[in-house]
Each structure stands twice: as C-alpha cells, then as structure tokens.
PDB file of N, CA and C in Angstrom:
ATOM      1  N   MET A   1      -4.121  -4.932  17.861  1.00  0.00           N
ATOM      2  CA  MET A   1      -3.950  -4.202  16.623  1.00  0.00           C
ATOM      3  C   MET A   1      -2.944  -4.785  15.755  1.00  0.00           C
ATOM      4  N   VAL A   2      -3.105  -4.825  14.457  1.00  0.00           N
ATOM      5  CA  VAL A   2      -2.207  -5.445  13.472  1.00  0.00           C
ATOM      6  C   VAL A   2      -1.539  -4.343  12.738  1.00  0.00           C
ATOM      7  N   LYS A   3      -0.264  -4.509  12.480  1.00  0.00           N
ATOM      8  CA  LYS A   3       0.482  -3.557  11.664  1.00  0.00           C
ATOM      9  C   LYS A   3       1.201  -4.302  10.579  1.00  0.00           C
ATOM     10  N   LEU A   4       1.427  -3.583   9.467  1.00  0.00           N
ATOM     11  CA  LEU A   4       2.285  -4.064   8.442  1.00  0.00           C
ATOM     12  C   LEU A   4       3.683  -3.480   8.717  1.00  0.00           C
ATOM     13  N   ARG A   5       4.680  -4.247   8.974  1.00  0.00           N
ATOM     14  CA  ARG A   5       5.985  -3.753   9.220  1.00  0.00           C
ATOM     15  C   ARG A   5       7.045  -4.647   8.696  1.00  0.00           C
ATOM     16  N   LEU A   6       8.230  -4.173   8.825  1.00  0.00           N
ATOM     17  CA  LEU A   6       9.437  -4.951   8.230  1.00  0.00           C
ATOM     18  C   LEU A   6       9.993  -5.917   9.258  1.00  0.00           C
ATOM     19  N   LYS A   7      10.436  -7.040   8.733  1.00  0.00           N
ATOM     20  CA  LYS A   7      11.086  -8.133   9.563  1.00  0.00           C
ATOM     21  C   LYS A   7      12.382  -8.400   8.939  1.00  0.00           C
ATOM     22  N   ARG A   8      13.461  -8.155   9.580  1.00  0.00           N
ATOM     23  CA  ARG A   8      14.749  -8.336   9.050  1.00  0.00           C
ATOM     24  C   ARG A   8      15.122  -9.825   8.874  1.00  0.00           C
ATOM     25  N   CYS A   9      15.715 -10.133   7.743  1.00  0.00           N
ATOM     26  CA  CYS A   9      16.217 -11.500   7.450  1.00  0.00           C
ATOM     27  C   CYS A   9      17.459 -11.349   6.530  1.00  0.00           C
ATOM     28  N   GLY A  10      18.117 -12.364   6.282  1.00  0.00           N
ATOM     29  CA  GLY A  10      19.306 -12.376   5.484  1.00  0.00           C
ATOM     30  C   GLY A  10      20.541 -12.391   6.463  1.00  0.00           C
ATOM     31  N   ARG A  11      21.658 -11.936   5.920  1.00  0.00           N
ATOM     32  CA  ARG A  11      22.889 -12.048   6.774  1.00  0.00           C
ATOM     33  C   ARG A  11      22.991 -10.995   7.806  1.00  0.00           C
ATOM     34  N   LYS A  12      23.886 -11.109   8.687  1.00  0.00           N
ATOM     35  CA  LYS A  12      24.040 -10.238   9.817  1.00  0.00           C
ATOM     36  C   LYS A  12      24.681  -8.931   9.331  1.00  0.00           C
ATOM     37  N   GLN A  13      25.477  -8.994   8.305  1.00  0.00           N
ATOM     38  CA  GLN A  13      26.067  -7.817   7.848  1.00  0.00           C
ATOM     39  C   GLN A  13      25.031  -6.810   7.276  1.00  0.00           C
ATOM     40  N   ARG A  14      25.415  -5.597   7.512  1.00  0.00           N
ATOM     41  CA  ARG A  14      24.438  -4.514   7.148  1.00  0.00           C
ATOM     42  C   ARG A  14      24.192  -4.495   5.581  1.00  0.00           C
ATOM     43  N   ALA A  15      25.272  -4.776   4.848  1.00  0.00           N
ATOM     44  CA  ALA A  15      25.193  -4.721   3.329  1.00  0.00           C
ATOM     45  C   ALA A  15      24.366  -5.833   2.816  1.00  0.00           C
ATOM     46  N   ARG A  16      24.046  -6.844   3.566  1.00  0.00           N
ATOM     47  CA  ARG A  16      23.433  -8.068   3.000  1.00  0.00           C
ATOM     48  C   ARG A  16      22.032  -8.241   3.592  1.00  0.00           C
ATOM     49  N   ALA A  17      21.513  -7.285   4.331  1.00  0.00           N
ATOM     50  CA  ALA A  17      20.256  -7.438   4.966  1.00  0.00           C
ATOM     51  C   ALA A  17      19.116  -7.255   3.980  1.00  0.00           C
ATOM     52  N   ILE A  18      18.085  -8.056   4.077  1.00  0.00           N
ATOM     53  CA  ILE A  18      16.837  -7.872   3.288  1.00  0.00           C
ATOM     54  C   ILE A  18      15.732  -7.938   4.367  1.00  0.00           C
ATOM     55  N   TYR A  19      14.524  -7.396   3.945  1.00  0.00           N
ATOM     56  CA  TYR A  19      13.488  -7.322   4.871  1.00  0.00           C
ATOM     57  C   TYR A  19      12.210  -7.956   4.282  1.00  0.00           C
ATOM     58  N   ARG A  20      11.474  -8.654   5.110  1.00  0.00           N
ATOM     59  CA  ARG A  20      10.070  -9.076   4.733  1.00  0.00           C
ATOM     60  C   ARG A  20       9.112  -8.174   5.168  1.00  0.00           C
ATOM     61  N   ILE A  21       8.071  -7.881   4.418  1.00  0.00           N
ATOM     62  CA  ILE A  21       6.928  -7.133   4.909  1.00  0.00           C
ATOM     63  C   ILE A  21       6.003  -8.047   5.380  1.00  0.00           C
ATOM     64  N   VAL A  22       5.611  -7.959   6.744  1.00  0.00           N
ATOM     65  CA  VAL A  22       4.761  -8.968   7.346  1.00  0.00           C
ATOM     66  C   VAL A  22       3.605  -8.246   8.049  1.00  0.00           C
ATOM     67  N   ALA A  23       2.518  -8.961   8.206  1.00  0.00           N
ATOM     68  CA  ALA A  23       1.442  -8.472   9.198  1.00  0.00           C
ATOM     69  C   ALA A  23       1.676  -9.130  10.476  1.00  0.00           C
ATOM     70  N   ILE A  24       1.816  -8.304  11.484  1.00  0.00           N
ATOM     71  CA  ILE A  24       2.225  -8.772  12.842  1.00  0.00           C
ATOM     72  C   ILE A  24       1.413  -7.975  13.869  1.00  0.00           C
ATOM     73  N   ASP A  25       1.253  -8.579  15.023  1.00  0.00           N
ATOM     74  CA  ASP A  25       0.595  -7.959  16.172  1.00  0.00           C
ATOM     75  C   ASP A  25       1.489  -6.858  16.654  1.00  0.00           C
ATOM     76  N   VAL A  26       0.933  -5.787  17.065  1.00  0.00           N
ATOM     77  CA  VAL A  26       1.747  -4.562  17.565  1.00  0.00           C
ATOM     78  C   VAL A  26       2.636  -5.020  18.797  1.00  0.00           C
ATOM     79  N   ARG A  27       2.138  -5.889  19.611  1.00  0.00           N
ATOM     80  CA  ARG A  27       2.760  -6.231  20.845  1.00  0.00           C
ATOM     81  C   ARG A  27       4.041  -7.149  20.657  1.00  0.00           C
ATOM     82  N   SER A  28       4.132  -7.658  19.416  1.00  0.00           N
ATOM     83  CA  SER A  28       5.237  -8.627  19.064  1.00  0.00           C
ATOM     84  C   SER A  28       6.486  -7.874  18.762  1.00  0.00           C
ATOM     85  N   ARG A  29       7.649  -8.466  19.060  1.00  0.00           N
ATOM     86  CA  ARG A  29       8.936  -7.812  18.755  1.00  0.00           C
ATOM     87  C   ARG A  29       9.230  -7.994  17.227  1.00  0.00           C
ATOM     88  N   ARG A  30      10.217  -7.264  16.733  1.00  0.00           N
ATOM     89  CA  ARG A  30      10.493  -7.199  15.307  1.00  0.00           C
ATOM     90  C   ARG A  30      10.739  -8.592  14.711  1.00  0.00           C
ATOM     91  N   GLU A  31      11.438  -9.451  15.493  1.00  0.00           N
ATOM     92  CA  GLU A  31      11.706 -10.831  14.979  1.00  0.00           C
ATOM     93  C   GLU A  31      10.644 -11.866  15.435  1.00  0.00           C
ATOM     94  N   GLY A  32       9.546 -11.340  16.017  1.00  0.00           N
ATOM     95  CA  GLY A  32       8.560 -12.254  16.476  1.00  0.00           C
ATOM     96  C   GLY A  32       7.760 -13.001  15.451  1.00  0.00           C
ATOM     97  N   ARG A  33       6.817 -13.790  15.927  1.00  0.00           N
ATOM     98  CA  ARG A  33       6.022 -14.517  14.999  1.00  0.00           C
ATOM     99  C   ARG A  33       4.938 -13.696  14.276  1.00  0.00           C
ATOM    100  N   ASP A  34       4.999 -13.825  12.955  1.00  0.00           N
ATOM    101  CA  ASP A  34       4.106 -12.946  12.172  1.00  0.00           C
ATOM    102  C   ASP A  34       2.890 -13.656  11.804  1.00  0.00           C
ATOM    103  N   LEU A  35       1.802 -12.904  11.476  1.00  0.00           N
ATOM    104  CA  LEU A  35       0.511 -13.540  11.131  1.00  0.00           C
ATOM    105  C   LEU A  35       0.626 -13.997   9.677  1.00  0.00           C
ATOM    106  N   ARG A  36       1.215 -13.222   8.829  1.00  0.00           N
ATOM    107  CA  ARG A  36       1.336 -13.647   7.372  1.00  0.00           C
ATOM    108  C   ARG A  36       2.494 -12.716   6.802  1.00  0.00           C
ATOM    109  N   LYS A  37       3.218 -13.447   5.829  1.00  0.00           N
ATOM    110  CA  LYS A  37       4.189 -12.649   5.029  1.00  0.00           C
ATOM    111  C   LYS A  37       3.552 -12.137   3.865  1.00  0.00           C
ATOM    112  N   VAL A  38       3.621 -10.732   3.601  1.00  0.00           N
ATOM    113  CA  VAL A  38       2.906 -10.160   2.478  1.00  0.00           C
ATOM    114  C   VAL A  38       3.807  -9.591   1.473  1.00  0.00           C
ATOM    115  N   GLY A  39       5.196  -9.710   1.626  1.00  0.00           N
ATOM    116  CA  GLY A  39       6.027  -9.231   0.626  1.00  0.00           C
ATOM    117  C   GLY A  39       7.523  -9.074   1.174  1.00  0.00           C
ATOM    118  N   PHE A  40       8.375  -8.545   0.348  1.00  0.00           N
ATOM    119  CA  PHE A  40       9.672  -8.374   0.727  1.00  0.00           C
ATOM    120  C   PHE A  40      10.274  -7.119   0.176  1.00  0.00           C
ATOM    121  N   TYR A  41      11.404  -6.570   0.793  1.00  0.00           N
ATOM    122  CA  TYR A  41      12.022  -5.429   0.298  1.00  0.00           C
ATOM    123  C   TYR A  41      13.517  -5.566   0.390  1.00  0.00           C
ATOM    124  N   ASP A  42      14.223  -5.375  -0.701  1.00  0.00           N
ATOM    125  CA  ASP A  42      15.684  -5.513  -0.758  1.00  0.00           C
ATOM    126  C   ASP A  42      16.216  -4.060  -1.030  1.00  0.00           C
ATOM    127  N   PRO A  43      16.808  -3.481   0.053  1.00  0.00           N
ATOM    128  CA  PRO A  43      17.259  -2.032  -0.110  1.00  0.00           C
ATOM    129  C   PRO A  43      18.508  -1.918  -1.006  1.00  0.00           C
ATOM    130  N   ILE A  44      19.340  -3.043  -1.046  1.00  0.00           N
ATOM    131  CA  ILE A  44      20.474  -2.923  -1.928  1.00  0.00           C
ATOM    132  C   ILE A  44      20.157  -2.930  -3.338  1.00  0.00           C
ATOM    133  N   LYS A  45      19.386  -3.811  -3.800  1.00  0.00           N
ATOM    134  CA  LYS A  45      18.900  -3.931  -5.164  1.00  0.00           C
ATOM    135  C   LYS A  45      17.723  -3.052  -5.517  1.00  0.00           C
ATOM    136  N   ASN A  46      17.133  -2.460  -4.417  1.00  0.00           N
ATOM    137  CA  ASN A  46      15.911  -1.597  -4.525  1.00  0.00           C
ATOM    138  C   ASN A  46      14.793  -2.398  -5.209  1.00  0.00           C
ATOM    139  N   GLN A  47      14.638  -3.597  -4.751  1.00  0.00           N
ATOM    140  CA  GLN A  47      13.610  -4.427  -5.266  1.00  0.00           C
ATOM    141  C   GLN A  47      12.490  -4.625  -4.183  1.00  0.00           C
ATOM    142  N   THR A  48      11.160  -4.626  -4.692  1.00  0.00           N
ATOM    143  CA  THR A  48      10.089  -4.796  -3.822  1.00  0.00           C
ATOM    144  C   THR A  48       9.090  -5.846  -4.425  1.00  0.00           C
ATOM    145  N   TYR A  49       8.710  -6.714  -3.613  1.00  0.00           N
ATOM    146  CA  TYR A  49       7.725  -7.751  -4.045  1.00  0.00           C
ATOM    147  C   TYR A  49       6.508  -7.600  -3.058  1.00  0.00           C
ATOM    148  N   SER A  50       5.347  -7.448  -3.459  1.00  0.00           N
ATOM    149  CA  SER A  50       4.179  -7.364  -2.498  1.00  0.00           C
ATOM    150  C   SER A  50       3.096  -8.342  -2.987  1.00  0.00           C
ATOM    151  N   ASN A  51       2.585  -9.003  -2.067  1.00  0.00           N
ATOM    152  CA  ASN A  51       1.446  -9.903  -2.364  1.00  0.00           C
ATOM    153  C   ASN A  51       0.112  -8.999  -2.096  1.00  0.00           C
ATOM    154  N   VAL A  52      -0.251  -8.463  -3.250  1.00  0.00           N
ATOM    155  CA  VAL A  52      -1.331  -7.414  -3.292  1.00  0.00           C
ATOM    156  C   VAL A  52      -2.730  -7.803  -2.650  1.00  0.00           C
ATOM    157  N   PRO A  53      -3.228  -9.021  -2.905  1.00  0.00           N
ATOM    158  CA  PRO A  53      -4.423  -9.378  -2.297  1.00  0.00           C
ATOM    159  C   PRO A  53      -4.266  -9.450  -0.734  1.00  0.00           C
ATOM    160  N   ALA A  54      -3.126  -9.986  -0.255  1.00  0.00           N
ATOM    161  CA  ALA A  54      -2.937 -10.121   1.207  1.00  0.00           C
ATOM    162  C   ALA A  54      -2.845  -8.701   1.819  1.00  0.00           C
ATOM    163  N   ILE A  55      -2.157  -7.852   1.170  1.00  0.00           N
ATOM    164  CA  ILE A  55      -1.996  -6.436   1.723  1.00  0.00           C
ATOM    165  C   ILE A  55      -3.364  -5.714   1.734  1.00  0.00           C
ATOM    166  N   LEU A  56      -4.195  -5.887   0.672  1.00  0.00           N
ATOM    167  CA  LEU A  56      -5.461  -5.279   0.649  1.00  0.00           C
ATOM    168  C   LEU A  56      -6.371  -5.864   1.738  1.00  0.00           C
ATOM    169  N   TYR A  57      -6.199  -7.210   1.970  1.00  0.00           N
ATOM    170  CA  TYR A  57      -7.070  -7.816   3.038  1.00  0.00           C
ATOM    171  C   TYR A  57      -6.800  -7.249   4.369  1.00  0.00           C
ATOM    172  N   PHE A  58      -5.507  -7.081   4.747  1.00  0.00           N
ATOM    173  CA  PHE A  58      -5.119  -6.542   6.050  1.00  0.00           C
ATOM    174  C   PHE A  58      -5.504  -5.078   6.115  1.00  0.00           C
ATOM    175  N   LEU A  59      -5.308  -4.354   5.101  1.00  0.00           N
ATOM    176  CA  LEU A  59      -5.716  -2.933   5.155  1.00  0.00           C
ATOM    177  C   LEU A  59      -7.170  -2.710   5.289  1.00  0.00           C
ATOM    178  N   GLU A  60      -8.036  -3.605   4.687  1.00  0.00           N
ATOM    179  CA  GLU A  60      -9.434  -3.484   4.834  1.00  0.00           C
ATOM    180  C   GLU A  60      -9.802  -3.939   6.246  1.00  0.00           C
ATOM    181  N   LYS A  61      -9.170  -4.788   6.865  1.00  0.00           N
ATOM    182  CA  LYS A  61      -9.436  -5.252   8.239  1.00  0.00           C
ATOM    183  C   LYS A  61      -8.936  -4.256   9.379  1.00  0.00           C
ATOM    184  N   GLY A  62      -8.155  -3.194   8.851  1.00  0.00           N
ATOM    185  CA  GLY A  62      -7.828  -2.133   9.881  1.00  0.00           C
ATOM    186  C   GLY A  62      -6.379  -2.187  10.165  1.00  0.00           C
ATOM    187  N   ALA A  63      -5.500  -2.950   9.495  1.00  0.00           N
ATOM    188  CA  ALA A  63      -4.058  -2.877   9.765  1.00  0.00           C
ATOM    189  C   ALA A  63      -3.488  -1.603   9.343  1.00  0.00           C
ATOM    190  N   GLN A  64      -2.572  -1.131  10.148  1.00  0.00           N
ATOM    191  CA  GLN A  64      -1.838   0.094   9.849  1.00  0.00           C
ATOM    192  C   GLN A  64      -0.429  -0.128   9.394  1.00  0.00           C
ATOM    193  N   PRO A  65       0.041   0.323   8.306  1.00  0.00           N
ATOM    194  CA  PRO A  65       1.412   0.209   7.883  1.00  0.00           C
ATOM    195  C   PRO A  65       2.294   1.124   8.682  1.00  0.00           C
ATOM    196  N   THR A  66       3.485   0.744   8.951  1.00  0.00           N
ATOM    197  CA  THR A  66       4.441   1.620   9.589  1.00  0.00           C
ATOM    198  C   THR A  66       4.850   2.700   8.674  1.00  0.00           C
ATOM    199  N   GLY A  67       5.555   3.689   9.050  1.00  0.00           N
ATOM    200  CA  GLY A  67       6.032   4.742   8.228  1.00  0.00           C
ATOM    201  C   GLY A  67       6.875   4.197   7.057  1.00  0.00           C
ATOM    202  N   THR A  68       7.803   3.346   7.351  1.00  0.00           N
ATOM    203  CA  THR A  68       8.667   2.767   6.324  1.00  0.00           C
ATOM    204  C   THR A  68       7.977   1.940   5.349  1.00  0.00           C
ATOM    205  N   VAL A  69       7.104   1.147   5.782  1.00  0.00           N
ATOM    206  CA  VAL A  69       6.265   0.273   4.855  1.00  0.00           C
ATOM    207  C   VAL A  69       5.386   1.068   4.015  1.00  0.00           C
ATOM    208  N   TYR A  70       4.760   2.176   4.661  1.00  0.00           N
ATOM    209  CA  TYR A  70       3.928   3.085   3.908  1.00  0.00           C
ATOM    210  C   TYR A  70       4.706   3.695   2.770  1.00  0.00           C
ATOM    211  N   ASP A  71       6.009   4.180   2.970  1.00  0.00           N
ATOM    212  CA  ASP A  71       6.738   4.759   2.018  1.00  0.00           C
ATOM    213  C   ASP A  71       7.156   3.807   0.955  1.00  0.00           C
ATOM    214  N   ILE A  72       7.471   2.528   1.288  1.00  0.00           N
ATOM    215  CA  ILE A  72       7.770   1.520   0.276  1.00  0.00           C
ATOM    216  C   ILE A  72       6.630   1.292  -0.637  1.00  0.00           C
ATOM    217  N   LEU A  73       5.447   1.165  -0.055  1.00  0.00           N
ATOM    218  CA  LEU A  73       4.201   0.875  -0.865  1.00  0.00           C
ATOM    219  C   LEU A  73       3.876   2.146  -1.766  1.00  0.00           C
ATOM    220  N   ARG A  74       4.106   3.272  -1.175  1.00  0.00           N
ATOM    221  CA  ARG A  74       3.843   4.508  -1.968  1.00  0.00           C
ATOM    222  C   ARG A  74       4.746   4.589  -3.199  1.00  0.00           C
ATOM    223  N   LYS A  75       6.057   4.232  -2.985  1.00  0.00           N
ATOM    224  CA  LYS A  75       6.949   4.305  -4.079  1.00  0.00           C
ATOM    225  C   LYS A  75       6.593   3.256  -5.150  1.00  0.00           C
ATOM    226  N   ALA A  76       6.006   2.117  -4.714  1.00  0.00           N
ATOM    227  CA  ALA A  76       5.495   1.072  -5.639  1.00  0.00           C
ATOM    228  C   ALA A  76       4.187   1.488  -6.261  1.00  0.00           C
ATOM    229  N   GLU A  77       3.636   2.665  -5.957  1.00  0.00           N
ATOM    230  CA  GLU A  77       2.403   3.188  -6.415  1.00  0.00           C
ATOM    231  C   GLU A  77       1.271   2.288  -6.041  1.00  0.00           C
ATOM    232  N   PHE A  78       1.293   1.735  -4.967  1.00  0.00           N
ATOM    233  CA  PHE A  78       0.229   0.788  -4.400  1.00  0.00           C
ATOM    234  C   PHE A  78      -1.003   1.553  -4.164  1.00  0.00           C
ATOM    235  N   PHE A  79      -0.957   2.698  -3.513  1.00  0.00           N
ATOM    236  CA  PHE A  79      -2.165   3.410  -3.050  1.00  0.00           C
ATOM    237  C   PHE A  79      -2.815   4.094  -4.299  1.00  0.00           C
ATOM    238  N   LYS A  80      -2.137   4.500  -5.256  1.00  0.00           N
ATOM    239  CA  LYS A  80      -2.675   5.068  -6.510  1.00  0.00           C
ATOM    240  C   LYS A  80      -3.398   3.952  -7.297  1.00  0.00           C
ATOM    241  N   GLU A  81      -2.757   2.827  -7.414  1.00  0.00           N
ATOM    242  CA  GLU A  81      -3.250   1.784  -8.306  1.00  0.00           C
ATOM    243  C   GLU A  81      -4.492   1.084  -7.714  1.00  0.00           C
ATOM    244  N   PHE A  82      -4.608   0.986  -6.380  1.00  0.00           N
ATOM    245  CA  PHE A  82      -5.786   0.282  -5.876  1.00  0.00           C
ATOM    246  C   PHE A  82      -6.653   1.128  -5.056  1.00  0.00           C
ATOM    247  N   ARG A  83      -6.441   2.409  -5.065  1.00  0.00           N
ATOM    248  CA  ARG A  83      -7.333   3.419  -4.461  1.00  0.00           C
ATOM    249  C   ARG A  83      -7.668   3.111  -2.986  1.00  0.00           C
ATOM    250  N   VAL A  84      -6.649   2.704  -2.252  1.00  0.00           N
ATOM    251  CA  VAL A  84      -6.813   2.553  -0.857  1.00  0.00           C
ATOM    252  C   VAL A  84      -6.825   3.828  -0.170  1.00  0.00           C
ATOM    253  N   SER A  85      -7.894   4.048   0.666  1.00  0.00           N
ATOM    254  CA  SER A  85      -8.021   5.312   1.367  1.00  0.00           C
ATOM    255  C   SER A  85      -7.279   5.205   2.715  1.00  0.00           C
ATOM    256  N   PHE A  86      -6.057   5.683   2.715  1.00  0.00           N
ATOM    257  CA  PHE A  86      -5.219   5.677   3.906  1.00  0.00           C
ATOM    258  C   PHE A  86      -4.394   6.889   3.959  1.00  0.00           C
ATOM    259  N   ASP A  87      -4.558   7.689   4.926  1.00  0.00           N
ATOM    260  CA  ASP A  87      -3.748   8.900   5.042  1.00  0.00           C
ATOM    261  C   ASP A  87      -2.811   8.741   6.248  1.00  0.00           C
ATOM    262  N   LYS A  88      -1.577   8.782   6.086  1.00  0.00           N
ATOM    263  CA  LYS A  88      -0.527   8.645   7.073  1.00  0.00           C
ATOM    264  C   LYS A  88      -0.786   9.646   8.260  1.00  0.00           C
ATOM    265  N   LYS A  89      -1.025  10.958   7.913  1.00  0.00           N
ATOM    266  CA  LYS A  89      -1.165  12.066   8.944  1.00  0.00           C
ATOM    267  C   LYS A  89      -2.372  11.778   9.751  1.00  0.00           C
ATOM    268  N   GLU A  90      -3.490  11.316   9.177  1.00  0.00           N
ATOM    269  CA  GLU A  90      -4.697  11.167   9.943  1.00  0.00           C
ATOM    270  C   GLU A  90      -4.500  10.028  10.959  1.00  0.00           C
ATOM    271  N   SER A  91      -3.867   8.996  10.637  1.00  0.00           N
ATOM    272  CA  SER A  91      -3.648   7.880  11.558  1.00  0.00           C
ATOM    273  C   SER A  91      -2.823   8.342  12.743  1.00  0.00           C
ATOM    274  N   LYS A  92      -1.864   9.130  12.514  1.00  0.00           N
ATOM    275  CA  LYS A  92      -1.042   9.730  13.708  1.00  0.00           C
ATOM    276  C   LYS A  92      -1.881  10.561  14.586  1.00  0.00           C
ATOM    277  N   LYS A  93      -2.782  11.378  14.027  1.00  0.00           N
ATOM    278  CA  LYS A  93      -3.619  12.207  14.870  1.00  0.00           C
ATOM    279  C   LYS A  93      -4.625  11.335  15.690  1.00  0.00           C
ATOM    280  N   LYS A  94      -5.121  10.232  15.227  1.00  0.00           N
ATOM    281  CA  LYS A  94      -5.927   9.378  15.878  1.00  0.00           C
ATOM    282  C   LYS A  94      -5.245   8.631  17.092  1.00  0.00           C
ATOM    283  N   ASN A  95      -3.943   8.308  16.771  1.00  0.00           N
ATOM    284  CA  ASN A  95      -3.160   7.665  17.882  1.00  0.00           C
ATOM    285  C   ASN A  95      -2.901   8.493  19.080  1.00  0.00           C
ATOM    286  N   ARG A  96      -2.815   9.887  18.754  1.00  0.00           N
ATOM    287  CA  ARG A  96      -2.469  10.811  19.831  1.00  0.00           C
ATOM    288  C   ARG A  96      -3.582  11.027  20.763  1.00  0.00           C
ATOM    289  N   GLU A  97      -4.933  10.977  20.163  1.00  0.00           N
ATOM    290  CA  GLU A  97      -6.058  11.222  20.965  1.00  0.00           C
ATOM    291  C   GLU A  97      -6.472  10.178  21.840  1.00  0.00           C
TER     292      GLU A  97
END
C-alpha cells in the first residue's frame, strides 16, 4: 500500500526543519526511499508546494494521505479545487475492519 506522507529534510535543529511530501510504501521508514516526491511543506514560513498531477495520480491509484498530509492539502484547498472524493473518517473505519 502506498501513502502520501512527510519526509523530514533540512537541518537537524527543530527550528530549521522542512518536510517533503512523498509517495512511499507503508512498510518503509520515514527516511526511507520514496517512490516520488510530490511536494514540500515548510512549517516555519507556512509555505506549501504541491505537484498537483502527481498527487492526483497517486490518489486515483489508491494512495492514502496520512493525517498531517491530509490537513496540509485541506488547508491548501486541494480537495475542494479538484473534487477528490476522499473522506478521512471512512478510511479509518476501513482500516479497523
């Protein structure tokens, strides 16, 4: 299963960390090899860049965003703009069953 999640990069200091949004296999660790880089998030400057076609491709193929990535994309109004049918609550219910 593929997930869209954050991969930490930048300096070791907490105040200088930035994150890449990557498509990665669930079994890989946070710093593991990713399938594709699809964006980045800078929490200090509150900037987000997303490669929209790549994110749409992975979501159509069944990739699930993590909670944090889902919130980042929601704040960027990604789901409203592209009408992606993804409900965070429904995916959690499916995982429990």
